[in-house]
Amino acid sequence: MITMWLLVEAEQGMFPDERTVVVRTADGGMVSLFVPDFKVRDRTGQSLIEVNVLDSTEQHSIVQLPAASIEGSSVARVDRSSLRTTA
């Protein structure tokens, strides 16, 4: 298993130490989750969260999210282009 950083959309959550995160999936959908503020890295207009890459092809990766999504899964299929090796 490889650890990488996934580009996401992140906003302040309901609580001061929480962030609401939206992950874009490979099929164009979205999954949302709440994560502790310290799990999100913000840099130059981009937000990233640390994920574990479970499987990959040339175009897509299956990633383990840091928390279960509102939709119920803690796994998502994302475009490989949205993954970074460093935050």
Protein backbone atom coordinates (compact mmCIF):
# COMPACT_ATOMS: atom_id res chain seq x y z
CA MET A 1 0.00 0.00 0.00
CA ILE A 2 1.31 3.44 -0.97
CA THR A 3 0.47 6.68 0.83
CA MET A 4 -0.18 9.70 -1.39
CA TRP A 5 -1.98 13.06 -1.27
CA LEU A 6 -5.30 13.55 -3.05
CA LEU A 7 -6.49 16.91 -4.41
CA VAL A 8 -9.88 17.76 -2.88
CA GLU A 9 -12.22 20.65 -2.26
CA ALA A 10 -12.18 21.56 1.44
CA GLU A 11 -14.18 24.04 3.47
CA GLN A 12 -14.57 24.80 7.15
CA GLY A 13 -16.79 22.23 8.84
CA MET A 14 -19.48 22.80 11.42
CA PHE A 15 -16.90 22.75 14.23
CA PRO A 16 -13.68 24.81 14.45
CA ASP A 17 -11.43 21.74 14.24
CA GLU A 18 -13.32 20.07 11.38
CA ARG A 19 -13.23 20.32 7.59
CA THR A 20 -15.83 19.29 5.04
CA VAL A 21 -14.07 17.58 2.12
CA VAL A 22 -15.40 16.79 -1.35
CA VAL A 23 -13.59 14.15 -3.44
CA ARG A 24 -14.11 14.04 -7.21
CA THR A 25 -14.42 10.43 -8.36
CA ALA A 26 -13.15 9.00 -11.64
CA ASP A 27 -16.69 8.71 -13.01
CA GLY A 28 -17.35 12.43 -12.45
CA GLY A 29 -19.27 11.97 -9.21
CA MET A 30 -18.49 13.33 -5.78
CA VAL A 31 -18.19 11.92 -2.29
CA SER A 32 -18.20 14.08 0.83
CA LEU A 33 -16.67 13.48 4.21
CA PHE A 34 -15.79 15.24 7.44
CA VAL A 35 -12.20 15.08 8.63
CA PRO A 36 -10.24 16.70 11.45
CA ASP A 37 -8.66 19.98 10.37
CA PHE A 38 -5.11 18.63 10.81
CA LYS A 39 -5.70 16.00 8.09
CA VAL A 40 -6.07 18.67 5.37
CA ARG A 41 -3.06 20.41 3.83
CA ASP A 42 -3.69 23.72 2.06
CA ARG A 43 -1.18 25.02 -0.45
CA THR A 44 -1.47 27.69 -3.12
CA GLY A 45 -5.22 27.43 -3.57
CA GLN A 46 -5.26 23.63 -3.41
CA SER A 47 -6.34 21.34 -0.60
CA LEU A 48 -5.03 17.81 -0.16
CA ILE A 49 -5.77 14.86 2.11
CA GLU A 50 -3.56 11.87 2.77
CA VAL A 51 -4.90 8.60 1.32
CA ASN A 52 -3.70 5.03 0.96
CA VAL A 53 -3.60 3.79 -2.62
CA LEU A 54 -5.07 0.27 -2.67
CA ASP A 55 -4.84 -0.39 -6.43
CA SER A 56 -3.97 1.52 -9.61
CA THR A 57 -4.21 1.38 -13.37
CA GLU A 58 -2.66 3.86 -15.80
CA GLN A 59 -5.62 6.22 -15.44
CA HIS A 60 -7.32 5.49 -12.11
CA SER A 61 -6.55 4.58 -8.51
CA ILE A 62 -8.64 3.04 -5.76
CA VAL A 63 -7.92 4.98 -2.56
CA GLN A 64 -8.74 4.50 1.11
CA LEU A 65 -10.08 7.80 2.46
CA PRO A 66 -9.15 8.98 5.98
CA ALA A 67 -12.81 8.66 7.08
CA ALA A 68 -16.06 7.17 5.83
CA SER A 69 -17.91 9.38 3.37
CA ILE A 70 -21.39 10.71 4.03
CA GLU A 71 -22.49 8.30 1.30
CA GLY A 72 -21.15 5.43 3.43
CA SER A 73 -17.90 4.25 1.84
CA SER A 74 -14.32 4.93 2.87
CA VAL A 75 -13.00 3.88 -0.57
CA ALA A 76 -13.15 5.88 -3.82
CA ARG A 77 -11.94 5.46 -7.40
CA VAL A 78 -10.16 8.64 -8.50
CA ASP A 79 -8.16 9.87 -11.48
CA ARG A 80 -4.44 9.27 -10.97
CA SER A 81 -3.81 12.85 -12.07
CA SER A 82 -5.41 14.03 -8.81
CA LEU A 83 -2.76 12.27 -6.69
CA ARG A 84 0.47 13.87 -5.45
CA THR A 85 3.48 12.33 -3.74
CA THR A 86 3.96 15.27 -1.36
CA ALA A 87 1.73 17.86 0.24
